[in-house]
């Protein structure tokens, strides 16, 4: 060529042939037999069990959960139960433990060697009826026990002072919680639930003093099972002339006569007699002897009759 123009000769066509099924030039060409083929997965035979639908099990489960108490509620109930039990236990121990011991010891008499002759009792009101005060008729160091029981012949009820040594469990617990039932001495309910007759226990021969201020209006024999055992002394109180205070289970003092004026806790009216061989005395349950005592009753003056 005279113009020296280069001629470009194409080595292959413009369209590339990527058909791997035919022979391909070049060192990067892969053999068609070397192509990777993913092996098919095998599925084992068998039947997968059907799972229960969640919504079908939910209602019974919610029902069971609703019947069981929540954990915090259970703990709360346990704590309340323990605290209540401890509180009740403390109250019962306080009501029936130490109190019962103190009352029993105060109700027992001292040994005979200590029961030396003594003078009149220190003024001490043991019972009431309206405005009338009944004083202790025996010296405090000679008293073995004090009790109340019922009567059948129109005797007026008395209001005991002190505290009952054999009161029921509920009454004692109520007194421990709310107060009341306290006093300097112990008395016992001897039966019937009434307080018509007051028995003040002491050994036979113990001096008995007037329980009220007043006048002697009667001295008569005390008849028991057809026999005479001491006397009955009737006193008209100065503060309640419409009433009569009667004392039995004693022998009258020789200086005492009908019409004599007497003073509470200072005038000697007699001595206790021994009735242990005649009758079973209820007061013996709370003493260390046969339960001998002086008995005090209160009646309207209009109904006073001689035995």
C-alpha atoms as a PDB file:
ATOM      1  CA  UNK A   1       0.000   0.000   0.000  1.00  0.00           C
ATOM      2  CA  UNK A   2       1.251   3.363  -0.953  1.00  0.00           C
ATOM      3  CA  UNK A   3      -0.709   5.377   1.764  1.00  0.00           C
ATOM      4  CA  UNK A   4       0.560   3.226   4.537  1.00  0.00           C
ATOM      5  CA  UNK A   5      -2.884   2.788   6.101  1.00  0.00           C
ATOM      6  CA  UNK A   6      -3.179  -0.063   8.607  1.00  0.00           C
ATOM      7  CA  UNK A   7      -5.975  -2.454   8.210  1.00  0.00           C
ATOM      8  CA  UNK A   8      -7.565  -3.975  11.390  1.00  0.00           C
ATOM      9  CA  UNK A   9      -8.549  -7.530  10.954  1.00  0.00           C
ATOM     10  CA  UNK A  10     -11.125  -8.816  13.592  1.00  0.00           C
ATOM     11  CA  UNK A  11     -10.124 -12.066  15.218  1.00  0.00           C
ATOM     12  CA  UNK A  12     -13.726 -13.141  15.974  1.00  0.00           C
ATOM     13  CA  UNK A  13     -17.153 -11.879  15.634  1.00  0.00           C
ATOM     14  CA  UNK A  14     -18.587  -9.162  17.894  1.00  0.00           C
ATOM     15  CA  UNK A  15     -21.231 -11.356  19.419  1.00  0.00           C
ATOM     16  CA  UNK A  16     -19.796 -13.613  22.081  1.00  0.00           C
ATOM     17  CA  UNK A  17     -20.931 -17.169  22.061  1.00  0.00           C
ATOM     18  CA  UNK A  18     -21.421 -18.439  25.665  1.00  0.00           C
ATOM     19  CA  UNK A  19     -22.827 -21.763  24.705  1.00  0.00           C
ATOM     20  CA  UNK A  20     -21.064 -24.223  26.984  1.00  0.00           C
ATOM     21  CA  UNK A  21     -22.408 -27.175  25.086  1.00  0.00           C
ATOM     22  CA  UNK A  22     -19.934 -26.590  22.294  1.00  0.00           C
ATOM     23  CA  UNK A  23     -16.241 -26.489  22.361  1.00  0.00           C
ATOM     24  CA  UNK A  24     -14.798 -23.221  23.642  1.00  0.00           C
ATOM     25  CA  UNK A  25     -11.436 -21.831  23.049  1.00  0.00           C
ATOM     26  CA  UNK A  26      -9.266 -20.649  25.908  1.00  0.00           C
ATOM     27  CA  UNK A  27      -7.635 -22.124  28.939  1.00  0.00           C
ATOM     28  CA  UNK A  28     -10.467 -20.984  31.317  1.00  0.00           C
ATOM     29  CA  UNK A  29     -13.088 -23.013  29.591  1.00  0.00           C
ATOM     30  CA  UNK A  30     -14.583 -25.803  31.687  1.00  0.00           C
ATOM     31  CA  UNK A  31     -15.490 -29.148  30.536  1.00  0.00           C
ATOM     32  CA  UNK A  32     -19.217 -29.618  30.314  1.00  0.00           C
ATOM     33  CA  UNK A  33     -18.943 -32.812  32.324  1.00  0.00           C
ATOM     34  CA  UNK A  34     -17.518 -30.892  35.276  1.00  0.00           C
ATOM     35  CA  UNK A  35     -20.664 -28.801  35.885  1.00  0.00           C
ATOM     36  CA  UNK A  36     -22.086 -29.257  39.496  1.00  0.00           C
ATOM     37  CA  UNK A  37     -25.518 -30.674  39.709  1.00  0.00           C
ATOM     38  CA  UNK A  38     -27.420 -30.487  43.149  1.00  0.00           C
ATOM     39  CA  UNK A  39     -28.496 -33.994  44.058  1.00  0.00           C
ATOM     40  CA  UNK A  40     -32.201 -34.377  44.763  1.00  0.00           C
ATOM     41  CA  UNK A  41     -33.268 -34.584  48.473  1.00  0.00           C
ATOM     42  CA  UNK A  42     -34.851 -37.739  49.666  1.00  0.00           C
ATOM     43  CA  UNK A  43     -37.945 -37.555  51.870  1.00  0.00           C
ATOM     44  CA  UNK A  44     -38.377 -40.425  54.294  1.00  0.00           C
ATOM     45  CA  UNK A  45     -41.737 -42.078  54.432  1.00  0.00           C
ATOM     46  CA  UNK A  46     -44.092 -41.670  57.451  1.00  0.00           C
ATOM     47  CA  UNK A  47     -46.832 -39.426  58.738  1.00  0.00           C
ATOM     48  CA  UNK A  48     -46.204 -36.439  60.988  1.00  0.00           C
ATOM     49  CA  UNK A  49     -48.847 -36.311  63.773  1.00  0.00           C
ATOM     50  CA  UNK A  50     -51.050 -33.318  63.743  1.00  0.00           C
ATOM     51  CA  UNK A  51     -50.359 -30.821  66.522  1.00  0.00           C
ATOM     52  CA  UNK A  52     -53.382 -29.623  68.522  1.00  0.00           C
ATOM     53  CA  UNK A  53     -54.569 -26.154  67.754  1.00  0.00           C
ATOM     54  CA  UNK A  54     -53.385 -23.672  70.434  1.00  0.00           C
ATOM     55  CA  UNK A  55     -56.720 -21.905  70.630  1.00  0.00           C
ATOM     56  CA  UNK A  56     -58.514 -25.130  71.632  1.00  0.00           C
ATOM     57  CA  UNK A  57     -56.290 -25.677  74.720  1.00  0.00           C
ATOM     58  CA  UNK A  58     -56.263 -22.059  75.873  1.00  0.00           C
ATOM     59  CA  UNK A  59     -59.704 -21.858  77.588  1.00  0.00           C
ATOM     60  CA  UNK A  60     -59.150 -24.864  79.956  1.00  0.00           C
ATOM     61  CA  UNK A  61     -55.678 -23.571  80.840  1.00  0.00           C
ATOM     62  CA  UNK A  62     -57.046 -20.134  81.687  1.00  0.00           C
ATOM     63  CA  UNK A  63     -59.750 -21.784  83.796  1.00  0.00           C
ATOM     64  CA  UNK A  64     -57.223 -23.774  85.838  1.00  0.00           C
ATOM     65  CA  UNK A  65     -55.080 -20.721  86.401  1.00  0.00           C
ATOM     66  CA  UNK A  66     -58.114 -18.817  87.616  1.00  0.00           C
ATOM     67  CA  UNK A  67     -58.901 -21.485  90.235  1.00  0.00           C
ATOM     68  CA  UNK A  68     -55.423 -21.392  91.790  1.00  0.00           C
ATOM     69  CA  UNK A  69     -54.622 -18.476  94.148  1.00  0.00           C
ATOM     70  CA  UNK A  70     -51.908 -16.131  93.085  1.00  0.00           C
ATOM     71  CA  UNK A  71     -48.525 -16.676  94.792  1.00  0.00           C
ATOM     72  CA  UNK A  72     -48.623 -13.355  96.655  1.00  0.00           C
ATOM     73  CA  UNK A  73     -52.104 -14.107  97.991  1.00  0.00           C
ATOM     74  CA  UNK A  74     -50.953 -17.474  99.328  1.00  0.00           C
ATOM     75  CA  UNK A  75     -48.005 -15.888 101.102  1.00  0.00           C
ATOM     76  CA  UNK A  76     -50.274 -13.232 102.584  1.00  0.00           C
ATOM     77  CA  UNK A  77     -52.664 -15.848 103.969  1.00  0.00           C
ATOM     78  CA  UNK A  78     -49.800 -17.806 105.513  1.00  0.00           C
ATOM     79  CA  UNK A  79     -48.397 -14.717 107.209  1.00  0.00           C
ATOM     80  CA  UNK A  80     -51.801 -13.697 108.577  1.00  0.00           C
ATOM     81  CA  UNK A  81     -52.407 -17.209 109.900  1.00  0.00           C
ATOM     82  CA  UNK A  82     -49.052 -17.328 111.692  1.00  0.00           C
ATOM     83  CA  UNK A  83     -49.505 -13.865 113.231  1.00  0.00           C
ATOM     84  CA  UNK A  84     -53.064 -14.657 114.384  1.00  0.00           C
ATOM     85  CA  UNK A  85     -51.957 -17.946 115.935  1.00  0.00           C
ATOM     86  CA  UNK A  86     -49.098 -16.279 117.806  1.00  0.00           C
ATOM     87  CA  UNK A  87     -51.407 -13.537 119.108  1.00  0.00           C
ATOM     88  CA  UNK A  88     -54.042 -15.991 120.331  1.00  0.00           C
ATOM     89  CA  UNK A  89     -51.391 -18.164 121.938  1.00  0.00           C
ATOM     90  CA  UNK A  90     -49.987 -15.194 123.839  1.00  0.00           C
ATOM     91  CA  UNK A  91     -53.426 -14.147 125.052  1.00  0.00           C
ATOM     92  CA  UNK A  92     -54.297 -17.647 126.259  1.00  0.00           C
ATOM     93  CA  UNK A  93     -50.988 -18.066 128.053  1.00  0.00           C
ATOM     94  CA  UNK A  94     -51.463 -14.685 129.719  1.00  0.00           C
ATOM     95  CA  UNK A  95     -55.066 -15.436 130.656  1.00  0.00           C
ATOM     96  CA  UNK A  96     -54.700 -19.001 131.928  1.00  0.00           C
ATOM     97  CA  UNK A  97     -51.054 -19.374 132.824  1.00  0.00           C
ATOM     98  CA  UNK A  98     -49.785 -16.933 135.401  1.00  0.00           C
ATOM     99  CA  UNK A  99     -53.231 -15.714 136.494  1.00  0.00           C
ATOM    100  CA  UNK A 100     -54.410 -19.201 137.499  1.00  0.00           C
ATOM    101  CA  UNK A 101     -51.289 -19.733 139.617  1.00  0.00           C
ATOM    102  CA  UNK A 102     -51.688 -16.454 141.489  1.00  0.00           C
ATOM    103  CA  UNK A 103     -55.370 -17.032 142.220  1.00  0.00           C
ATOM    104  CA  UNK A 104     -54.840 -20.560 143.531  1.00  0.00           C
ATOM    105  CA  UNK A 105     -52.064 -19.496 145.899  1.00  0.00           C
ATOM    106  CA  UNK A 106     -54.101 -16.630 147.359  1.00  0.00           C
ATOM    107  CA  UNK A 107     -57.113 -18.876 147.976  1.00  0.00           C
ATOM    108  CA  UNK A 108     -55.230 -21.347 150.200  1.00  0.00           C
ATOM    109  CA  UNK A 109     -54.979 -20.844 153.972  1.00  0.00           C
ATOM    110  CA  UNK A 110     -51.738 -20.650 155.882  1.00  0.00           C
ATOM    111  CA  UNK A 111     -50.481 -23.430 158.143  1.00  0.00           C
ATOM    112  CA  UNK A 112     -52.156 -23.886 161.536  1.00  0.00           C
ATOM    113  CA  UNK A 113     -49.053 -22.649 163.332  1.00  0.00           C
ATOM    114  CA  UNK A 114     -49.502 -19.251 161.715  1.00  0.00           C
ATOM    115  CA  UNK A 115     -53.197 -18.913 162.644  1.00  0.00           C
ATOM    116  CA  UNK A 116     -52.526 -17.149 165.920  1.00  0.00           C
ATOM    117  CA  UNK A 117     -55.263 -15.220 167.782  1.00  0.00           C
ATOM    118  CA  UNK A 118     -55.899 -11.930 166.057  1.00  0.00           C
ATOM    119  CA  UNK A 119     -58.127  -8.922 166.546  1.00  0.00           C
ATOM    120  CA  UNK A 120     -60.943  -7.576 164.373  1.00  0.00           C
ATOM    121  CA  UNK A 121     -60.521  -7.579 160.587  1.00  0.00           C
ATOM    122  CA  UNK A 122     -59.290  -4.578 158.656  1.00  0.00           C
ATOM    123  CA  UNK A 123     -62.378  -2.930 157.095  1.00  0.00           C
ATOM    124  CA  UNK A 124     -62.813  -4.451 153.633  1.00  0.00           C
ATOM    125  CA  UNK A 125     -65.954  -4.415 151.497  1.00  0.00           C
ATOM    126  CA  UNK A 126     -66.490  -7.820 149.866  1.00  0.00           C
ATOM    127  CA  UNK A 127     -70.022  -7.424 148.442  1.00  0.00           C
ATOM    128  CA  UNK A 128     -72.645  -4.811 147.603  1.00  0.00           C
ATOM    129  CA  UNK A 129     -76.424  -4.540 147.354  1.00  0.00           C
ATOM    130  CA  UNK A 130     -77.537  -1.142 146.091  1.00  0.00           C
ATOM    131  CA  UNK A 131     -75.987   1.257 148.650  1.00  0.00           C
ATOM    132  CA  UNK A 132     -75.393  -1.399 151.328  1.00  0.00           C
ATOM    133  CA  UNK A 133     -71.798  -2.548 151.832  1.00  0.00           C
ATOM    134  CA  UNK A 134     -71.035  -5.963 153.292  1.00  0.00           C
ATOM    135  CA  UNK A 135     -67.715  -5.950 155.169  1.00  0.00           C
ATOM    136  CA  UNK A 136     -65.437  -8.946 155.636  1.00  0.00           C
ATOM    137  CA  UNK A 137     -66.565 -10.553 158.954  1.00  0.00           C
ATOM    138  CA  UNK A 138     -63.339 -12.509 159.609  1.00  0.00           C
ATOM    139  CA  UNK A 139     -59.760 -11.293 159.981  1.00  0.00           C
ATOM    140  CA  UNK A 140     -57.936 -11.503 156.634  1.00  0.00           C
ATOM    141  CA  UNK A 141     -55.257 -13.843 157.998  1.00  0.00           C
ATOM    142  CA  UNK A 142     -57.919 -16.373 159.040  1.00  0.00           C
ATOM    143  CA  UNK A 143     -59.878 -16.527 155.773  1.00  0.00           C
ATOM    144  CA  UNK A 144     -59.513 -19.828 153.862  1.00  0.00           C
ATOM    145  CA  UNK A 145     -61.733 -18.971 150.866  1.00  0.00           C
ATOM    146  CA  UNK A 146     -64.715 -16.868 149.827  1.00  0.00           C
ATOM    147  CA  UNK A 147     -67.600 -18.256 147.771  1.00  0.00           C
ATOM    148  CA  UNK A 148     -71.119 -17.517 146.541  1.00  0.00           C
ATOM    149  CA  UNK A 149     -74.026 -19.841 145.863  1.00  0.00           C
ATOM    150  CA  UNK A 150     -77.775 -19.818 145.289  1.00  0.00           C
ATOM    151  CA  UNK A 151     -80.628 -19.827 147.835  1.00  0.00           C
ATOM    152  CA  UNK A 152     -84.269 -20.868 147.531  1.00  0.00           C
ATOM    153  CA  UNK A 153     -86.184 -18.732 150.028  1.00  0.00           C
ATOM    154  CA  UNK A 154     -86.292 -15.214 148.620  1.00  0.00           C
ATOM    155  CA  UNK A 155     -82.740 -14.183 149.467  1.00  0.00           C
ATOM    156  CA  UNK A 156     -81.624 -11.021 147.655  1.00  0.00           C
ATOM    157  CA  UNK A 157     -78.612 -11.258 145.309  1.00  0.00           C
ATOM    158  CA  UNK A 158     -75.297  -9.673 146.211  1.00  0.00           C
ATOM    159  CA  UNK A 159     -72.760  -8.089 143.883  1.00  0.00           C
ATOM    160  CA  UNK A 160     -69.340  -9.655 144.529  1.00  0.00           C
ATOM    161  CA  UNK A 161     -66.179  -7.565 144.594  1.00  0.00           C
ATOM    162  CA  UNK A 162     -62.711  -8.902 143.854  1.00  0.00           C
ATOM    163  CA  UNK A 163     -62.165 -11.361 141.022  1.00  0.00           C
ATOM    164  CA  UNK A 164     -63.639 -14.776 140.385  1.00  0.00           C
ATOM    165  CA  UNK A 165     -61.047 -17.517 140.664  1.00  0.00           C
ATOM    166  CA  UNK A 166     -63.000 -20.121 138.700  1.00  0.00           C
ATOM    167  CA  UNK A 167     -64.562 -18.002 135.975  1.00  0.00           C
ATOM    168  CA  UNK A 168     -65.002 -19.418 132.490  1.00  0.00           C
ATOM    169  CA  UNK A 169     -62.340 -19.278 129.793  1.00  0.00           C
ATOM    170  CA  UNK A 170     -64.145 -16.685 127.670  1.00  0.00           C
ATOM    171  CA  UNK A 171     -64.789 -14.391 130.661  1.00  0.00           C
ATOM    172  CA  UNK A 172     -61.171 -14.550 131.768  1.00  0.00           C
ATOM    173  CA  UNK A 173     -59.935 -13.831 128.249  1.00  0.00           C
ATOM    174  CA  UNK A 174     -62.341 -10.890 127.945  1.00  0.00           C
ATOM    175  CA  UNK A 175     -61.077  -9.465 131.250  1.00  0.00           C
ATOM    176  CA  UNK A 176     -57.479  -9.766 130.053  1.00  0.00           C
ATOM    177  CA  UNK A 177     -58.259  -7.925 126.823  1.00  0.00           C
ATOM    178  CA  UNK A 178     -60.834  -5.327 127.914  1.00  0.00           C
ATOM    179  CA  UNK A 179     -60.076  -5.077 131.637  1.00  0.00           C
ATOM    180  CA  UNK A 180     -62.273  -5.717 134.652  1.00  0.00           C
ATOM    181  CA  UNK A 181     -62.486  -8.707 136.963  1.00  0.00           C
ATOM    182  CA  UNK A 182     -59.602  -7.446 139.104  1.00  0.00           C
ATOM    183  CA  UNK A 183     -59.455  -6.972 142.848  1.00  0.00           C
ATOM    184  CA  UNK A 184     -57.422  -7.552 145.977  1.00  0.00           C
ATOM    185  CA  UNK A 185     -58.930 -10.963 146.764  1.00  0.00           C
ATOM    186  CA  UNK A 186     -60.360 -14.013 145.022  1.00  0.00           C
ATOM    187  CA  UNK A 187     -63.867 -15.447 145.328  1.00  0.00           C
ATOM    188  CA  UNK A 188     -65.422 -18.592 143.837  1.00  0.00           C
ATOM    189  CA  UNK A 189     -68.775 -19.391 142.300  1.00  0.00           C
ATOM    190  CA  UNK A 190     -69.918 -22.499 144.191  1.00  0.00           C
ATOM    191  CA  UNK A 191     -72.802 -23.491 141.933  1.00  0.00           C
ATOM    192  CA  UNK A 192     -76.037 -22.322 140.398  1.00  0.00           C
ATOM    193  CA  UNK A 193     -74.513 -19.202 138.866  1.00  0.00           C
ATOM    194  CA  UNK A 194     -76.114 -17.008 141.560  1.00  0.00           C
ATOM    195  CA  UNK A 195     -74.641 -14.848 144.326  1.00  0.00           C
ATOM    196  CA  UNK A 196     -77.412 -14.926 146.931  1.00  0.00           C
ATOM    197  CA  UNK A 197     -75.384 -16.409 149.816  1.00  0.00           C
ATOM    198  CA  UNK A 198     -71.872 -15.296 150.764  1.00  0.00           C
ATOM    199  CA  UNK A 199     -69.682 -17.928 152.484  1.00  0.00           C
ATOM    200  CA  UNK A 200     -66.518 -16.696 154.222  1.00  0.00           C
ATOM    201  CA  UNK A 201     -64.367 -19.691 155.117  1.00  0.00           C
ATOM    202  CA  UNK A 202     -62.365 -20.077 158.337  1.00  0.00           C
ATOM    203  CA  UNK A 203     -61.522 -22.875 160.754  1.00  0.00           C
ATOM    204  CA  UNK A 204     -64.022 -23.659 163.562  1.00  0.00           C
ATOM    205  CA  UNK A 205     -63.665 -21.357 166.552  1.00  0.00           C
ATOM    206  CA  UNK A 206     -62.638 -18.327 164.486  1.00  0.00           C
ATOM    207  CA  UNK A 207     -64.066 -15.033 165.743  1.00  0.00           C
ATOM    208  CA  UNK A 208     -66.800 -13.466 163.576  1.00  0.00           C
ATOM    209  CA  UNK A 209     -67.422  -9.705 163.528  1.00  0.00           C
ATOM    210  CA  UNK A 210     -70.381  -7.651 162.348  1.00  0.00           C
ATOM    211  CA  UNK A 211     -70.492  -7.198 158.549  1.00  0.00           C
ATOM    212  CA  UNK A 212     -72.592  -3.986 158.767  1.00  0.00           C
ATOM    213  CA  UNK A 213     -73.430  -1.190 161.162  1.00  0.00           C
ATOM    214  CA  UNK A 214     -76.848  -1.738 162.708  1.00  0.00           C
ATOM    215  CA  UNK A 215     -78.995  -3.305 165.415  1.00  0.00           C
ATOM    216  CA  UNK A 216     -79.502  -6.930 166.443  1.00  0.00           C
ATOM    217  CA  UNK A 217     -83.158  -7.791 165.736  1.00  0.00           C
ATOM    218  CA  UNK A 218     -83.065 -11.549 166.223  1.00  0.00           C
ATOM    219  CA  UNK A 219     -81.059 -14.462 167.669  1.00  0.00           C
ATOM    220  CA  UNK A 220     -82.501 -17.924 167.008  1.00  0.00           C
ATOM    221  CA  UNK A 221     -81.432 -21.549 166.683  1.00  0.00           C
ATOM    222  CA  UNK A 222     -80.084 -22.707 163.328  1.00  0.00           C
ATOM    223  CA  UNK A 223     -81.789 -25.973 162.444  1.00  0.00           C
ATOM    224  CA  UNK A 224     -80.157 -28.440 160.067  1.00  0.00           C
ATOM    225  CA  UNK A 225     -81.623 -31.912 159.438  1.00  0.00           C
ATOM    226  CA  UNK A 226     -83.806 -31.502 162.520  1.00  0.00           C
ATOM    227  CA  UNK A 227     -80.856 -30.681 164.783  1.00  0.00           C
ATOM    228  CA  UNK A 228     -79.625 -27.381 166.212  1.00  0.00           C
ATOM    229  CA  UNK A 229     -76.175 -26.278 165.061  1.00  0.00           C
ATOM    230  CA  UNK A 230     -75.368 -22.846 166.378  1.00  0.00           C
ATOM    231  CA  UNK A 231     -77.582 -19.840 165.839  1.00  0.00           C
ATOM    232  CA  UNK A 232     -78.875 -17.397 163.270  1.00  0.00           C
ATOM    233  CA  UNK A 233     -78.191 -13.749 164.009  1.00  0.00           C
ATOM    234  CA  UNK A 234     -80.351 -11.114 162.255  1.00  0.00           C
ATOM    235  CA  UNK A 235     -79.070  -7.558 161.880  1.00  0.00           C
ATOM    236  CA  UNK A 236     -80.996  -4.482 160.689  1.00  0.00           C
ATOM    237  CA  UNK A 237     -78.481  -2.261 158.843  1.00  0.00           C
ATOM    238  CA  UNK A 238     -78.455   1.412 159.811  1.00  0.00           C
ATOM    239  CA  UNK A 239     -78.034   2.451 156.127  1.00  0.00           C
ATOM    240  CA  UNK A 240     -80.824   0.147 154.877  1.00  0.00           C
ATOM    241  CA  UNK A 241     -83.516  -0.384 157.557  1.00  0.00           C
ATOM    242  CA  UNK A 242     -85.823  -2.147 155.081  1.00  0.00           C
ATOM    243  CA  UNK A 243     -83.332  -5.029 154.837  1.00  0.00           C
ATOM    244  CA  UNK A 244     -82.089  -7.707 157.224  1.00  0.00           C
ATOM    245  CA  UNK A 245     -78.625  -9.274 157.147  1.00  0.00           C
ATOM    246  CA  UNK A 246     -78.581 -12.826 158.530  1.00  0.00           C
ATOM    247  CA  UNK A 247     -75.511 -14.775 159.726  1.00  0.00           C
ATOM    248  CA  UNK A 248     -75.510 -18.557 160.249  1.00  0.00           C
ATOM    249  CA  UNK A 249     -72.991 -21.368 160.978  1.00  0.00           C
ATOM    250  CA  UNK A 250     -71.825 -19.687 164.184  1.00  0.00           C
ATOM    251  CA  UNK A 251     -72.402 -19.631 167.936  1.00  0.00           C
ATOM    252  CA  UNK A 252     -73.449 -16.176 169.197  1.00  0.00           C
ATOM    253  CA  UNK A 253     -71.246 -14.197 171.544  1.00  0.00           C
ATOM    254  CA  UNK A 254     -72.631 -14.340 175.112  1.00  0.00           C
ATOM    255  CA  UNK A 255     -72.597 -10.542 175.349  1.00  0.00           C
ATOM    256  CA  UNK A 256     -74.852 -10.199 172.303  1.00  0.00           C
ATOM    257  CA  UNK A 257     -78.579  -9.559 172.863  1.00  0.00           C
ATOM    258  CA  UNK A 258     -81.537  -8.437 170.790  1.00  0.00           C
ATOM    259  CA  UNK A 259     -81.482  -4.640 170.532  1.00  0.00           C
ATOM    260  CA  UNK A 260     -77.707  -4.386 170.807  1.00  0.00           C
ATOM    261  CA  UNK A 261     -76.055  -1.837 168.542  1.00  0.00           C
ATOM    262  CA  UNK A 262     -73.134  -3.143 166.569  1.00  0.00           C
ATOM    263  CA  UNK A 263     -70.388  -1.633 164.387  1.00  0.00           C
ATOM    264  CA  UNK A 264     -69.007  -3.190 161.221  1.00  0.00           C
ATOM    265  CA  UNK A 265     -65.578  -4.859 161.499  1.00  0.00           C
ATOM    266  CA  UNK A 266     -65.304  -4.075 165.238  1.00  0.00           C
ATOM    267  CA  UNK A 267     -68.184  -5.755 167.181  1.00  0.00           C
ATOM    268  CA  UNK A 268     -67.703  -9.464 167.792  1.00  0.00           C
ATOM    269  CA  UNK A 269     -70.929 -11.400 167.170  1.00  0.00           C
ATOM    270  CA  UNK A 270     -69.855 -15.054 167.530  1.00  0.00           C
ATOM    271  CA  UNK A 271     -67.564 -17.930 166.526  1.00  0.00           C
ATOM    272  CA  UNK A 272     -67.707 -20.376 163.591  1.00  0.00           C
ATOM    273  CA  UNK A 273     -69.059 -23.869 164.389  1.00  0.00           C
ATOM    274  CA  UNK A 274     -67.877 -27.144 162.839  1.00  0.00           C
ATOM    275  CA  UNK A 275     -70.438 -28.587 160.409  1.00  0.00           C
ATOM    276  CA  UNK A 276     -68.064 -30.968 158.596  1.00  0.00           C
ATOM    277  CA  UNK A 277     -69.782 -34.015 160.126  1.00  0.00           C
ATOM    278  CA  UNK A 278     -73.266 -32.833 159.197  1.00  0.00           C
ATOM    279  CA  UNK A 279     -73.097 -31.686 155.586  1.00  0.00           C
ATOM    280  CA  UNK A 280     -70.746 -31.647 152.633  1.00  0.00           C
ATOM    281  CA  UNK A 281     -69.657 -28.022 152.280  1.00  0.00           C
ATOM    282  CA  UNK A 282     -69.027 -26.738 148.769  1.00  0.00           C
ATOM    283  CA  UNK A 283     -66.290 -24.366 149.907  1.00  0.00           C
ATOM    284  CA  UNK A 284     -64.072 -27.374 150.764  1.00  0.00           C
ATOM    285  CA  UNK A 285     -63.237 -27.684 147.057  1.00  0.00           C
ATOM    286  CA  UNK A 286     -61.128 -24.530 147.335  1.00  0.00           C
ATOM    287  CA  UNK A 287     -59.662 -24.930 150.845  1.00  0.00           C
ATOM    288  CA  UNK A 288     -57.346 -27.348 152.663  1.00  0.00           C
ATOM    289  CA  UNK A 289     -59.941 -28.174 155.303  1.00  0.00           C
ATOM    290  CA  UNK A 290     -63.587 -29.252 155.438  1.00  0.00           C
ATOM    291  CA  UNK A 291     -64.797 -25.895 154.151  1.00  0.00           C
ATOM    292  CA  UNK A 292     -66.291 -24.558 157.414  1.00  0.00           C
ATOM    293  CA  UNK A 293     -67.473 -20.969 157.104  1.00  0.00           C
ATOM    294  CA  UNK A 294     -69.868 -18.251 158.217  1.00  0.00           C
ATOM    295  CA  UNK A 295     -72.777 -17.671 155.815  1.00  0.00           C
ATOM    296  CA  UNK A 296     -74.258 -14.214 155.116  1.00  0.00           C
ATOM    297  CA  UNK A 297     -77.678 -13.646 153.507  1.00  0.00           C
ATOM    298  CA  UNK A 298     -79.735 -10.538 152.734  1.00  0.00           C
ATOM    299  CA  UNK A 299     -83.538 -10.414 152.849  1.00  0.00           C
ATOM    300  CA  UNK A 300     -86.273  -7.773 152.862  1.00  0.00           C
ATOM    301  CA  UNK A 301     -87.333  -7.019 156.431  1.00  0.00           C
ATOM    302  CA  UNK A 302     -91.016  -7.709 155.619  1.00  0.00           C
ATOM    303  CA  UNK A 303     -90.231 -11.328 154.687  1.00  0.00           C
ATOM    304  CA  UNK A 304     -88.134 -12.141 157.775  1.00  0.00           C
ATOM    305  CA  UNK A 305     -89.445 -15.275 159.461  1.00  0.00           C
ATOM    306  CA  UNK A 306     -88.095 -17.274 162.363  1.00  0.00           C
ATOM    307  CA  UNK A 307     -87.080 -20.887 161.630  1.00  0.00           C
END
